[in-house]
Amino acid sequence: MPDVKLYHRPMVQQGLVRPHGAHSVAGGALWFTHVETLRRGHAPQIVPADTLAHDILHRLTFARAIVAGLDMTRVNVMGILNVTPDSFSDGGRFEQSEIAIEHALTMVADGADILDIGGESTRPGAAYVTPDQEIKRTAPVIAAIRGASAVPISIDTRKSQVAQAALNAGATLVNDVYAFTHDPDLAKITATAKAPVCLMHAQGDPEVMQNNPVYADVLLDVYDFLEARIQAAELAGIARDQIVIDPGIGFGKTVQHNLEIMNRLSLFHALGCPILLGASRKRFIGTIAHEPDALQRLGGSIAVALAGAAQGVQIIRVHDIKQTKQALALWQAMSSGEYHHVP
């Protein structure tokens, strides 16, 4: 009988007072003493962290490497810039390059640690955009931002041609919402450029991804997918310590699927890579909060961001930089009991 695969989720806690022998989560300020062990078809079990095999415990605790200049022992805020006519919450607002560049620099001034530039909407039902059109939307904006700021820049694309043009223009990181499954050449482009990558889980193309998504176990299915895509990226020549993973909230997932992932988000630390959480203004927030207007979902977006931070997420992708940074600063002060003045 084949061995049943085990999954190990650190039960993350916070605060200055911690038990002797508590383990840091991915080298950061959060910690854990116990893990929830999961396996398909069985009830979860809670076991002391010290009972784990050394390699499993190491994967949960070692400090992640710097990625795209970002310190992965803390929470980083990624600012969203959609230079598209049809993104779900800000489509058309930043379609003109001058306005997009101004907004990008405003986000940097507001404290964004990295900017994510996208030229193709991935909202449910969005239509495909040709690589040439996507390059026209993104590359000039990236070049202009790079000329004005040293801020790390991520290109949000699933196409190798677009990524290459963005990297040539000054982008720092490739953010592929299909984890190299849409365009296998994207892995080669990323590896050749020695660029870091974010690999996200999505079920189905944007046109159809919300048409009754089904999983055997959404949490473990997403974990297994990301584990396999990390291996594929490594085979393409990308160093594991330069891979970020994203469980893909809202991408081919129902409200219940999203909640199941958020509830056990810390499981993904077991992959040994930094975690990116992108939930800002998404539909499930509107559904739970009874808010149909995406622009009015700031409160819900901040609540989800803080829930992610409390589970050790290293990058939070948001639309509202200043408000999210303020919320994180207060959360960190309240959870640690300390205030460190930064002039």
C-alpha atoms as a PDB file:
ATOM      1  CA  MET A   1       0.000   0.000   0.000  1.00  0.00           C
ATOM      2  CA  PRO A   2       1.522   3.379  -0.985  1.00  0.00           C
ATOM      3  CA  ASP A   3       2.483   5.843   1.740  1.00  0.00           C
ATOM      4  CA  VAL A   4      -0.132   8.507   2.486  1.00  0.00           C
ATOM      5  CA  LYS A   5       1.287  11.965   1.841  1.00  0.00           C
ATOM      6  CA  LEU A   6       1.447  14.160   4.929  1.00  0.00           C
ATOM      7  CA  TYR A   7       1.165  17.945   4.945  1.00  0.00           C
ATOM      8  CA  HIS A   8       2.418  20.055   7.843  1.00  0.00           C
ATOM      9  CA  ARG A   9       0.880  23.414   8.747  1.00  0.00           C
ATOM     10  CA  PRO A  10       2.567  25.541  11.423  1.00  0.00           C
ATOM     11  CA  MET A  11      -0.013  26.857  13.900  1.00  0.00           C
ATOM     12  CA  VAL A  12       1.244  30.425  13.819  1.00  0.00           C
ATOM     13  CA  GLN A  13       1.248  32.671  16.882  1.00  0.00           C
ATOM     14  CA  GLN A  14       2.516  36.161  17.628  1.00  0.00           C
ATOM     15  CA  GLY A  15       3.724  38.309  20.516  1.00  0.00           C
ATOM     16  CA  LEU A  16       6.883  38.930  22.521  1.00  0.00           C
ATOM     17  CA  VAL A  17       6.042  36.305  25.131  1.00  0.00           C
ATOM     18  CA  ARG A  18       6.781  32.943  23.581  1.00  0.00           C
ATOM     19  CA  PRO A  19       7.438  29.506  25.083  1.00  0.00           C
ATOM     20  CA  HIS A  20      10.995  28.237  25.376  1.00  0.00           C
ATOM     21  CA  GLY A  21      11.856  26.306  22.231  1.00  0.00           C
ATOM     22  CA  ALA A  22       9.223  27.966  20.021  1.00  0.00           C
ATOM     23  CA  HIS A  23      10.208  28.032  16.355  1.00  0.00           C
ATOM     24  CA  SER A  24      10.211  31.091  14.095  1.00  0.00           C
ATOM     25  CA  VAL A  25       8.026  30.988  10.994  1.00  0.00           C
ATOM     26  CA  ALA A  26      10.314  31.342   7.955  1.00  0.00           C
ATOM     27  CA  GLY A  27      12.844  33.316   9.965  1.00  0.00           C
ATOM     28  CA  GLY A  28      10.380  36.077  10.829  1.00  0.00           C
ATOM     29  CA  ALA A  29       8.855  37.443  14.035  1.00  0.00           C
ATOM     30  CA  LEU A  30       5.933  34.985  14.176  1.00  0.00           C
ATOM     31  CA  TRP A  31       6.369  31.596  15.841  1.00  0.00           C
ATOM     32  CA  PHE A  32       4.844  28.201  16.467  1.00  0.00           C
ATOM     33  CA  THR A  33       5.130  25.306  18.879  1.00  0.00           C
ATOM     34  CA  HIS A  34       2.713  22.870  17.200  1.00  0.00           C
ATOM     35  CA  VAL A  35       1.767  21.869  13.688  1.00  0.00           C
ATOM     36  CA  GLU A  36      -1.441  20.591  12.184  1.00  0.00           C
ATOM     37  CA  THR A  37      -0.724  17.439  10.206  1.00  0.00           C
ATOM     38  CA  LEU A  38      -3.085  16.907   7.277  1.00  0.00           C
ATOM     39  CA  ARG A  39      -3.639  13.988   4.932  1.00  0.00           C
ATOM     40  CA  ARG A  40      -6.330  13.241   2.408  1.00  0.00           C
ATOM     41  CA  GLY A  41      -9.317  11.359   3.750  1.00  0.00           C
ATOM     42  CA  HIS A  42      -8.266  11.629   7.400  1.00  0.00           C
ATOM     43  CA  ALA A  43      -9.021  13.970  10.271  1.00  0.00           C
ATOM     44  CA  PRO A  44      -6.293  16.542  11.031  1.00  0.00           C
ATOM     45  CA  GLN A  45      -3.939  15.901  13.925  1.00  0.00           C
ATOM     46  CA  ILE A  46      -2.097  18.426  16.078  1.00  0.00           C
ATOM     47  CA  VAL A  47       1.431  17.423  17.077  1.00  0.00           C
ATOM     48  CA  PRO A  48       4.374  19.192  18.757  1.00  0.00           C
ATOM     49  CA  ALA A  49       6.675  20.814  16.218  1.00  0.00           C
ATOM     50  CA  ASP A  50       9.677  19.122  17.812  1.00  0.00           C
ATOM     51  CA  THR A  51       8.360  15.739  16.678  1.00  0.00           C
ATOM     52  CA  LEU A  52       8.788  16.651  12.996  1.00  0.00           C
ATOM     53  CA  ALA A  53      11.654  15.309  10.931  1.00  0.00           C
ATOM     54  CA  HIS A  54      14.557  17.759  10.785  1.00  0.00           C
ATOM     55  CA  ASP A  55      14.160  18.545   7.071  1.00  0.00           C
ATOM     56  CA  ILE A  56      10.435  19.305   7.431  1.00  0.00           C
ATOM     57  CA  LEU A  57      10.986  21.565  10.438  1.00  0.00           C
ATOM     58  CA  HIS A  58      13.843  23.332   8.650  1.00  0.00           C
ATOM     59  CA  ARG A  59      11.618  24.096   5.668  1.00  0.00           C
ATOM     60  CA  LEU A  60       9.079  25.757   7.962  1.00  0.00           C
ATOM     61  CA  THR A  61      11.615  27.803   9.912  1.00  0.00           C
ATOM     62  CA  PHE A  62      14.603  28.877   7.816  1.00  0.00           C
ATOM     63  CA  ALA A  63      14.816  32.549   6.825  1.00  0.00           C
ATOM     64  CA  ARG A  64      13.865  33.030   3.185  1.00  0.00           C
ATOM     65  CA  ALA A  65      16.409  34.667   0.894  1.00  0.00           C
ATOM     66  CA  ILE A  66      16.068  38.220  -0.369  1.00  0.00           C
ATOM     67  CA  VAL A  67      13.911  38.218  -3.520  1.00  0.00           C
ATOM     68  CA  ALA A  68      13.902  41.181  -5.938  1.00  0.00           C
ATOM     69  CA  GLY A  69      15.559  43.228  -3.216  1.00  0.00           C
ATOM     70  CA  LEU A  70      12.800  42.482  -0.703  1.00  0.00           C
ATOM     71  CA  ASP A  71      13.476  41.314   2.855  1.00  0.00           C
ATOM     72  CA  MET A  72      11.399  38.154   3.260  1.00  0.00           C
ATOM     73  CA  THR A  73      11.622  38.116   7.053  1.00  0.00           C
ATOM     74  CA  ARG A  74       8.948  40.849   7.130  1.00  0.00           C
ATOM     75  CA  VAL A  75       5.700  41.760   5.370  1.00  0.00           C
ATOM     76  CA  ASN A  76       6.187  43.571   2.044  1.00  0.00           C
ATOM     77  CA  VAL A  77       3.444  45.499   0.264  1.00  0.00           C
ATOM     78  CA  MET A  78       3.072  45.126  -3.506  1.00  0.00           C
ATOM     79  CA  GLY A  79       1.211  47.907  -5.273  1.00  0.00           C
ATOM     80  CA  ILE A  80      -1.137  46.977  -8.133  1.00  0.00           C
ATOM     81  CA  LEU A  81      -1.004  48.955 -11.364  1.00  0.00           C
ATOM     82  CA  ASN A  82      -3.321  47.689 -14.100  1.00  0.00           C
ATOM     83  CA  VAL A  83      -2.694  49.465 -17.394  1.00  0.00           C
ATOM     84  CA  THR A  84      -5.810  47.880 -18.857  1.00  0.00           C
ATOM     85  CA  PRO A  85      -9.260  49.047 -19.945  1.00  0.00           C
ATOM     86  CA  ASP A  86     -11.134  46.228 -18.215  1.00  0.00           C
ATOM     87  CA  SER A  87      -9.605  45.183 -14.876  1.00  0.00           C
ATOM     88  CA  PHE A  88     -12.301  44.432 -12.313  1.00  0.00           C
ATOM     89  CA  SER A  89     -11.843  47.413  -9.967  1.00  0.00           C
ATOM     90  CA  ASP A  90      -9.717  50.009 -11.758  1.00  0.00           C
ATOM     91  CA  GLY A  91     -10.084  49.161 -15.438  1.00  0.00           C
ATOM     92  CA  GLY A  92      -9.441  52.222 -17.595  1.00  0.00           C
ATOM     93  CA  ARG A  93      -8.258  54.465 -14.737  1.00  0.00           C
ATOM     94  CA  PHE A  94      -4.577  54.033 -15.590  1.00  0.00           C
ATOM     95  CA  GLU A  95      -4.785  53.137 -19.262  1.00  0.00           C
ATOM     96  CA  GLN A  96      -3.019  56.351 -20.263  1.00  0.00           C
ATOM     97  CA  SER A  97       0.712  56.065 -19.662  1.00  0.00           C
ATOM     98  CA  GLU A  98       1.144  59.463 -18.025  1.00  0.00           C
ATOM     99  CA  ILE A  99      -1.568  58.759 -15.459  1.00  0.00           C
ATOM    100  CA  ALA A 100      -0.220  55.242 -14.845  1.00  0.00           C
ATOM    101  CA  ILE A 101       3.299  56.525 -14.191  1.00  0.00           C
ATOM    102  CA  GLU A 102       2.029  59.238 -11.851  1.00  0.00           C
ATOM    103  CA  HIS A 103       0.015  56.680  -9.897  1.00  0.00           C
ATOM    104  CA  ALA A 104       2.996  54.318  -9.714  1.00  0.00           C
ATOM    105  CA  LEU A 105       5.211  57.002  -8.222  1.00  0.00           C
ATOM    106  CA  THR A 106       2.447  57.943  -5.780  1.00  0.00           C
ATOM    107  CA  MET A 107       2.333  54.325  -4.592  1.00  0.00           C
ATOM    108  CA  VAL A 108       6.112  54.398  -4.111  1.00  0.00           C
ATOM    109  CA  ALA A 109       5.807  57.603  -2.082  1.00  0.00           C
ATOM    110  CA  ASP A 110       3.063  55.924  -0.027  1.00  0.00           C
ATOM    111  CA  GLY A 111       5.447  53.116   0.874  1.00  0.00           C
ATOM    112  CA  ALA A 112       5.016  50.390  -1.749  1.00  0.00           C
ATOM    113  CA  ASP A 113       7.900  47.936  -1.539  1.00  0.00           C
ATOM    114  CA  ILE A 114       7.343  46.651  -5.078  1.00  0.00           C
ATOM    115  CA  LEU A 115       4.991  47.477  -7.964  1.00  0.00           C
ATOM    116  CA  ASP A 116       3.120  44.885 -10.037  1.00  0.00           C
ATOM    117  CA  ILE A 117       2.376  46.053 -13.588  1.00  0.00           C
ATOM    118  CA  GLY A 118      -0.270  44.206 -15.592  1.00  0.00           C
ATOM    119  CA  GLY A 119      -1.438  44.722 -19.177  1.00  0.00           C
ATOM    120  CA  GLU A 120      -4.035  41.944 -19.404  1.00  0.00           C
ATOM    121  CA  SER A 121      -7.035  41.681 -17.122  1.00  0.00           C
ATOM    122  CA  THR A 122      -7.386  38.336 -15.383  1.00  0.00           C
ATOM    123  CA  ARG A 123     -10.794  39.097 -13.889  1.00  0.00           C
ATOM    124  CA  PRO A 124     -13.423  36.383 -14.399  1.00  0.00           C
ATOM    125  CA  GLY A 125     -14.692  36.536 -17.972  1.00  0.00           C
ATOM    126  CA  ALA A 126     -11.836  38.703 -19.266  1.00  0.00           C
ATOM    127  CA  ALA A 127     -10.856  38.332 -22.922  1.00  0.00           C
ATOM    128  CA  TYR A 128      -7.407  37.324 -24.171  1.00  0.00           C
ATOM    129  CA  VAL A 129      -4.971  40.128 -25.058  1.00  0.00           C
ATOM    130  CA  THR A 130      -2.333  39.657 -27.766  1.00  0.00           C
ATOM    131  CA  PRO A 131       1.325  39.835 -26.696  1.00  0.00           C
ATOM    132  CA  ASP A 132       1.954  42.892 -28.902  1.00  0.00           C
ATOM    133  CA  GLN A 133      -0.899  44.810 -27.298  1.00  0.00           C
ATOM    134  CA  GLU A 134       0.188  43.779 -23.820  1.00  0.00           C
ATOM    135  CA  ILE A 135       3.768  44.915 -24.513  1.00  0.00           C
ATOM    136  CA  LYS A 136       2.528  48.298 -25.782  1.00  0.00           C
ATOM    137  CA  ARG A 137       0.629  48.761 -22.549  1.00  0.00           C
ATOM    138  CA  THR A 138       3.330  47.689 -20.111  1.00  0.00           C
ATOM    139  CA  ALA A 139       6.900  48.130 -21.404  1.00  0.00           C
ATOM    140  CA  PRO A 140       6.856  51.953 -21.807  1.00  0.00           C
ATOM    141  CA  VAL A 141       5.316  52.388 -18.353  1.00  0.00           C
ATOM    142  CA  ILE A 142       7.921  50.103 -16.772  1.00  0.00           C
ATOM    143  CA  ALA A 143      10.748  51.961 -18.511  1.00  0.00           C
ATOM    144  CA  ALA A 144       9.409  55.312 -17.295  1.00  0.00           C
ATOM    145  CA  ILE A 145       9.024  54.106 -13.712  1.00  0.00           C
ATOM    146  CA  ARG A 146      12.513  52.627 -13.795  1.00  0.00           C
ATOM    147  CA  GLY A 147      13.856  55.942 -15.036  1.00  0.00           C
ATOM    148  CA  ALA A 148      12.314  57.729 -12.063  1.00  0.00           C
ATOM    149  CA  SER A 149      12.683  55.179  -9.257  1.00  0.00           C
ATOM    150  CA  ALA A 150      14.731  52.187  -8.117  1.00  0.00           C
ATOM    151  CA  VAL A 151      11.614  50.446  -6.769  1.00  0.00           C
ATOM    152  CA  PRO A 152      11.426  46.736  -7.656  1.00  0.00           C
ATOM    153  CA  ILE A 153       8.953  46.113 -10.485  1.00  0.00           C
ATOM    154  CA  SER A 154       7.003  42.937 -11.201  1.00  0.00           C
ATOM    155  CA  ILE A 155       5.526  42.165 -14.618  1.00  0.00           C
ATOM    156  CA  ASP A 156       2.175  40.427 -14.237  1.00  0.00           C
ATOM    157  CA  THR A 157       1.959  38.266 -17.357  1.00  0.00           C
ATOM    158  CA  ARG A 158       1.569  34.715 -18.593  1.00  0.00           C
ATOM    159  CA  LYS A 159       3.381  35.358 -21.923  1.00  0.00           C
ATOM    160  CA  SER A 160       7.108  35.022 -22.595  1.00  0.00           C
ATOM    161  CA  GLN A 161       7.264  37.857 -25.133  1.00  0.00           C
ATOM    162  CA  VAL A 162       5.681  40.268 -22.686  1.00  0.00           C
ATOM    163  CA  ALA A 163       8.005  39.213 -19.874  1.00  0.00           C
ATOM    164  CA  GLN A 164      11.077  39.630 -22.071  1.00  0.00           C
ATOM    165  CA  ALA A 165      10.041  43.141 -23.109  1.00  0.00           C
ATOM    166  CA  ALA A 166       9.312  44.028 -19.475  1.00  0.00           C
ATOM    167  CA  LEU A 167      12.649  42.699 -18.244  1.00  0.00           C
ATOM    168  CA  ASN A 168      14.403  44.656 -20.986  1.00  0.00           C
ATOM    169  CA  ALA A 169      12.542  47.772 -19.810  1.00  0.00           C
ATOM    170  CA  GLY A 170      13.668  47.304 -16.213  1.00  0.00           C
ATOM    171  CA  ALA A 171      11.291  44.870 -14.538  1.00  0.00           C
ATOM    172  CA  THR A 172      12.722  42.885 -11.628  1.00  0.00           C
ATOM    173  CA  LEU A 173      10.394  39.922 -11.132  1.00  0.00           C
ATOM    174  CA  VAL A 174       8.070  37.815 -13.296  1.00  0.00           C
ATOM    175  CA  ASN A 175       4.608  37.216 -11.817  1.00  0.00           C
ATOM    176  CA  ASP A 176       2.893  34.413 -13.751  1.00  0.00           C
ATOM    177  CA  VAL A 177      -0.682  33.692 -12.720  1.00  0.00           C
ATOM    178  CA  TYR A 178      -0.484  30.357 -14.571  1.00  0.00           C
ATOM    179  CA  ALA A 179       2.853  29.205 -13.137  1.00  0.00           C
ATOM    180  CA  PHE A 180       4.470  28.459 -16.527  1.00  0.00           C
ATOM    181  CA  THR A 181       1.561  26.290 -17.696  1.00  0.00           C
ATOM    182  CA  HIS A 182       0.225  28.771 -20.263  1.00  0.00           C
ATOM    183  CA  ASP A 183       3.541  29.487 -22.011  1.00  0.00           C
ATOM    184  CA  PRO A 184       6.410  27.084 -21.212  1.00  0.00           C
ATOM    185  CA  ASP A 185       8.880  29.503 -22.846  1.00  0.00           C
ATOM    186  CA  LEU A 186       8.279  31.906 -19.997  1.00  0.00           C
ATOM    187  CA  ALA A 187      10.317  29.667 -17.688  1.00  0.00           C
ATOM    188  CA  LYS A 188      13.282  29.822 -20.091  1.00  0.00           C
ATOM    189  CA  ILE A 189      13.032  33.618 -20.369  1.00  0.00           C
ATOM    190  CA  THR A 190      12.944  33.981 -16.593  1.00  0.00           C
ATOM    191  CA  ALA A 191      15.833  31.583 -16.007  1.00  0.00           C
ATOM    192  CA  THR A 192      18.004  33.174 -18.695  1.00  0.00           C
ATOM    193  CA  ALA A 193      17.438  36.617 -17.174  1.00  0.00           C
ATOM    194  CA  LYS A 194      18.178  35.199 -13.694  1.00  0.00           C
ATOM    195  CA  ALA A 195      14.977  36.895 -12.580  1.00  0.00           C
ATOM    196  CA  PRO A 196      12.928  35.761  -9.598  1.00  0.00           C
ATOM    197  CA  VAL A 197       9.400  34.512 -10.232  1.00  0.00           C
ATOM    198  CA  CYS A 198       6.046  34.286  -8.513  1.00  0.00           C
ATOM    199  CA  LEU A 199       4.122  31.118  -9.390  1.00  0.00           C
ATOM    200  CA  MET A 200       0.377  31.292  -8.809  1.00  0.00           C
ATOM    201  CA  HIS A 201      -2.344  28.662  -8.831  1.00  0.00           C
ATOM    202  CA  ALA A 202      -5.317  29.193 -11.150  1.00  0.00           C
ATOM    203  CA  GLN A 203      -7.932  26.739 -12.349  1.00  0.00           C
ATOM    204  CA  GLY A 204      -9.020  27.527 -15.922  1.00  0.00           C
ATOM    205  CA  ASP A 205      -8.536  30.587 -18.130  1.00  0.00           C
ATOM    206  CA  PRO A 206     -10.113  33.912 -17.057  1.00  0.00           C
ATOM    207  CA  GLU A 207     -12.957  33.462 -19.528  1.00  0.00           C
ATOM    208  CA  VAL A 208     -14.254  30.355 -17.710  1.00  0.00           C
ATOM    209  CA  MET A 209     -12.429  30.015 -14.394  1.00  0.00           C
ATOM    210  CA  GLN A 210     -15.441  30.850 -12.219  1.00  0.00           C
ATOM    211  CA  ASN A 211     -17.770  28.423 -13.997  1.00  0.00           C
ATOM    212  CA  ASN A 212     -18.328  25.916 -11.174  1.00  0.00           C
ATOM    213  CA  PRO A 213     -14.722  25.225 -10.056  1.00  0.00           C
ATOM    214  CA  VAL A 214     -14.363  21.816  -8.393  1.00  0.00           C
ATOM    215  CA  TYR A 215     -11.581  20.317  -6.241  1.00  0.00           C
ATOM    216  CA  ALA A 216     -11.070  17.057  -4.386  1.00  0.00           C
ATOM    217  CA  ASP A 217      -9.540  19.114  -1.535  1.00  0.00           C
ATOM    218  CA  VAL A 218      -8.890  22.722  -2.512  1.00  0.00           C
ATOM    219  CA  LEU A 219      -6.141  23.348   0.043  1.00  0.00           C
ATOM    220  CA  LEU A 220      -4.147  20.215  -0.726  1.00  0.00           C
ATOM    221  CA  ASP A 221      -4.834  20.357  -4.475  1.00  0.00           C
ATOM    222  CA  VAL A 222      -3.420  23.893  -4.614  1.00  0.00           C
ATOM    223  CA  TYR A 223      -0.439  22.844  -2.483  1.00  0.00           C
ATOM    224  CA  ASP A 224       0.342  19.876  -4.754  1.00  0.00           C
ATOM    225  CA  PHE A 225       0.054  22.046  -7.870  1.00  0.00           C
ATOM    226  CA  LEU A 226       2.455  24.651  -6.498  1.00  0.00           C
ATOM    227  CA  GLU A 227       4.878  21.971  -5.344  1.00  0.00           C
ATOM    228  CA  ALA A 228       4.946  20.548  -8.876  1.00  0.00           C
ATOM    229  CA  ARG A 229       5.376  23.984 -10.479  1.00  0.00           C
ATOM    230  CA  ILE A 230       8.270  24.809  -8.148  1.00  0.00           C
ATOM    231  CA  GLN A 231       9.959  21.623  -9.340  1.00  0.00           C
ATOM    232  CA  ALA A 232       9.295  22.592 -12.969  1.00  0.00           C
ATOM    233  CA  ALA A 233      10.796  26.032 -12.388  1.00  0.00           C
ATOM    234  CA  GLU A 234      13.882  24.504 -10.796  1.00  0.00           C
ATOM    235  CA  LEU A 235      14.287  22.157 -13.761  1.00  0.00           C
ATOM    236  CA  ALA A 236      14.159  25.227 -16.027  1.00  0.00           C
ATOM    237  CA  GLY A 237      17.105  26.691 -14.110  1.00  0.00           C
ATOM    238  CA  ILE A 238      15.414  29.012 -11.602  1.00  0.00           C
ATOM    239  CA  ALA A 239      16.877  28.826  -8.095  1.00  0.00           C
ATOM    240  CA  ARG A 240      14.345  27.676  -5.520  1.00  0.00           C
ATOM    241  CA  ASP A 241      15.227  30.530  -3.186  1.00  0.00           C
ATOM    242  CA  GLN A 242      14.133  32.956  -5.940  1.00  0.00           C
ATOM    243  CA  ILE A 243      10.637  31.457  -6.257  1.00  0.00           C
ATOM    244  CA  VAL A 244       7.604  33.038  -4.595  1.00  0.00           C
ATOM    245  CA  ILE A 245       4.298  31.152  -4.475  1.00  0.00           C
ATOM    246  CA  ASP A 246       0.718  32.444  -4.548  1.00  0.00           C
ATOM    247  CA  PRO A 247      -2.326  30.220  -3.821  1.00  0.00           C
ATOM    248  CA  GLY A 248      -4.404  32.303  -6.211  1.00  0.00           C
ATOM    249  CA  ILE A 249      -7.326  33.599  -4.175  1.00  0.00           C
ATOM    250  CA  GLY A 250     -10.285  34.087  -6.520  1.00  0.00           C
ATOM    251  CA  PHE A 251      -8.750  32.313  -9.500  1.00  0.00           C
ATOM    252  CA  GLY A 252     -11.072  29.414 -10.217  1.00  0.00           C
ATOM    253  CA  LYS A 253     -12.332  29.270  -6.638  1.00  0.00           C
ATOM    254  CA  THR A 254     -15.657  29.770  -4.897  1.00  0.00           C
ATOM    255  CA  VAL A 255     -16.100  31.842  -1.745  1.00  0.00           C
ATOM    256  CA  GLN A 256     -15.849  28.637   0.303  1.00  0.00           C
ATOM    257  CA  HIS A 257     -12.668  27.593  -1.514  1.00  0.00           C
ATOM    258  CA  ASN A 258     -11.113  30.982  -0.749  1.00  0.00           C
ATOM    259  CA  LEU A 259     -12.048  30.708   2.915  1.00  0.00           C
ATOM    260  CA  GLU A 260     -10.599  27.212   3.212  1.00  0.00           C
ATOM    261  CA  ILE A 261      -7.296  28.444   1.793  1.00  0.00           C
ATOM    262  CA  MET A 262      -7.222  31.570   3.965  1.00  0.00           C
ATOM    263  CA  ASN A 263      -8.027  29.569   7.095  1.00  0.00           C
ATOM    264  CA  ARG A 264      -4.961  27.351   6.645  1.00  0.00           C
ATOM    265  CA  LEU A 265      -2.765  29.696   4.619  1.00  0.00           C
ATOM    266  CA  SER A 266       0.293  28.946   6.756  1.00  0.00           C
ATOM    267  CA  LEU A 267       0.412  25.442   5.232  1.00  0.00           C
ATOM    268  CA  PHE A 268       2.222  26.916   2.233  1.00  0.00           C
ATOM    269  CA  HIS A 269       5.290  27.716   4.351  1.00  0.00           C
ATOM    270  CA  ALA A 270       5.999  23.980   4.066  1.00  0.00           C
ATOM    271  CA  LEU A 271       6.968  24.592   0.429  1.00  0.00           C
ATOM    272  CA  GLY A 272       9.986  26.544   1.644  1.00  0.00           C
ATOM    273  CA  CYS A 273       9.226  29.621  -0.493  1.00  0.00           C
ATOM    274  CA  PRO A 274       7.913  33.099   0.343  1.00  0.00           C
ATOM    275  CA  ILE A 275       4.132  33.452   0.065  1.00  0.00           C
ATOM    276  CA  LEU A 276       2.308  36.190  -1.833  1.00  0.00           C
ATOM    277  CA  LEU A 277      -1.331  36.919  -1.003  1.00  0.00           C
ATOM    278  CA  GLY A 278      -3.427  38.783  -3.566  1.00  0.00           C
ATOM    279  CA  ALA A 279      -6.998  39.328  -2.405  1.00  0.00           C
ATOM    280  CA  SER A 280      -7.442  43.101  -2.603  1.00  0.00           C
ATOM    281  CA  ARG A 281     -11.002  44.159  -3.558  1.00  0.00           C
ATOM    282  CA  LYS A 282     -11.851  40.692  -4.861  1.00  0.00           C
ATOM    283  CA  ARG A 283     -15.374  39.417  -5.359  1.00  0.00           C
ATOM    284  CA  PHE A 284     -15.415  37.097  -2.349  1.00  0.00           C
ATOM    285  CA  ILE A 285     -14.837  40.136  -0.113  1.00  0.00           C
ATOM    286  CA  GLY A 286     -17.839  41.815  -1.691  1.00  0.00           C
ATOM    287  CA  THR A 287     -19.931  38.677  -1.306  1.00  0.00           C
ATOM    288  CA  ILE A 288     -19.160  38.274   2.401  1.00  0.00           C
ATOM    289  CA  ALA A 289     -19.428  42.012   3.139  1.00  0.00           C
ATOM    290  CA  HIS A 290     -22.481  42.582   0.880  1.00  0.00           C
ATOM    291  CA  GLU A 291     -20.560  45.217  -1.100  1.00  0.00           C
ATOM    292  CA  PRO A 292     -21.027  44.998  -4.885  1.00  0.00           C
ATOM    293  CA  ASP A 293     -18.774  48.005  -5.613  1.00  0.00           C
ATOM    294  CA  ALA A 294     -15.133  46.875  -5.756  1.00  0.00           C
ATOM    295  CA  LEU A 295     -13.942  50.391  -4.939  1.00  0.00           C
ATOM    296  CA  GLN A 296     -15.798  50.226  -1.610  1.00  0.00           C
ATOM    297  CA  ARG A 297     -14.034  47.078  -0.344  1.00  0.00           C
ATOM    298  CA  LEU A 298     -11.105  48.720   1.437  1.00  0.00           C
ATOM    299  CA  GLY A 299     -12.142  47.547   4.900  1.00  0.00           C
ATOM    300  CA  GLY A 300     -12.558  43.957   3.769  1.00  0.00           C
ATOM    301  CA  SER A 301      -9.297  44.059   1.822  1.00  0.00           C
ATOM    302  CA  ILE A 302      -7.395  45.253   4.883  1.00  0.00           C
ATOM    303  CA  ALA A 303      -9.025  42.554   7.034  1.00  0.00           C
ATOM    304  CA  VAL A 304      -7.839  39.862   4.612  1.00  0.00           C
ATOM    305  CA  ALA A 305      -4.365  41.422   4.392  1.00  0.00           C
ATOM    306  CA  LEU A 306      -4.010  41.365   8.185  1.00  0.00           C
ATOM    307  CA  ALA A 307      -5.264  37.775   8.317  1.00  0.00           C
ATOM    308  CA  GLY A 308      -2.523  36.886   5.842  1.00  0.00           C
ATOM    309  CA  ALA A 309       0.118  38.791   7.787  1.00  0.00           C
ATOM    310  CA  ALA A 310      -0.901  36.910  10.927  1.00  0.00           C
ATOM    311  CA  GLN A 311      -0.076  33.643   9.149  1.00  0.00           C
ATOM    312  CA  GLY A 312       3.365  34.822   8.044  1.00  0.00           C
ATOM    313  CA  VAL A 313       2.721  35.894   4.458  1.00  0.00           C
ATOM    314  CA  GLN A 314       5.727  37.814   3.122  1.00  0.00           C
ATOM    315  CA  ILE A 315       4.110  39.820   0.289  1.00  0.00           C
ATOM    316  CA  ILE A 316       0.629  41.334   0.242  1.00  0.00           C
ATOM    317  CA  ARG A 317      -0.597  42.559  -3.151  1.00  0.00           C
ATOM    318  CA  VAL A 318      -2.980  45.508  -2.761  1.00  0.00           C
ATOM    319  CA  HIS A 319      -4.539  48.499  -4.485  1.00  0.00           C
ATOM    320  CA  ASP A 320      -4.528  50.820  -1.457  1.00  0.00           C
ATOM    321  CA  ILE A 321      -0.928  51.245  -0.298  1.00  0.00           C
ATOM    322  CA  LYS A 322      -1.156  54.010   2.305  1.00  0.00           C
ATOM    323  CA  GLN A 323      -4.116  52.497   4.149  1.00  0.00           C
ATOM    324  CA  THR A 324      -2.676  48.974   4.106  1.00  0.00           C
ATOM    325  CA  LYS A 325       0.726  50.178   5.357  1.00  0.00           C
ATOM    326  CA  GLN A 326      -1.017  52.051   8.173  1.00  0.00           C
ATOM    327  CA  ALA A 327      -3.021  48.960   9.146  1.00  0.00           C
ATOM    328  CA  LEU A 328       0.100  46.768   9.081  1.00  0.00           C
ATOM    329  CA  ALA A 329       2.062  49.240  11.212  1.00  0.00           C
ATOM    330  CA  LEU A 330      -0.656  49.199  13.870  1.00  0.00           C
ATOM    331  CA  TRP A 331      -1.065  45.404  13.670  1.00  0.00           C
ATOM    332  CA  GLN A 332       2.657  44.896  14.123  1.00  0.00           C
ATOM    333  CA  ALA A 333       2.783  47.318  17.074  1.00  0.00           C
ATOM    334  CA  MET A 334      -0.234  45.710  18.743  1.00  0.00           C
ATOM    335  CA  SER A 335       0.980  42.148  18.204  1.00  0.00           C
ATOM    336  CA  SER A 336       4.530  42.818  19.385  1.00  0.00           C
ATOM    337  CA  GLY A 337       3.828  45.387  22.086  1.00  0.00           C
ATOM    338  CA  GLU A 338       6.644  47.499  20.655  1.00  0.00           C
ATOM    339  CA  TYR A 339       6.937  50.668  18.612  1.00  0.00           C
ATOM    340  CA  HIS A 340      10.085  51.384  16.647  1.00  0.00           C
ATOM    341  CA  HIS A 341      10.238  54.948  15.336  1.00  0.00           C
ATOM    342  CA  VAL A 342      11.548  55.179  11.794  1.00  0.00           C
ATOM    343  CA  PRO A 343      12.524  58.793  10.943  1.00  0.00           C
END
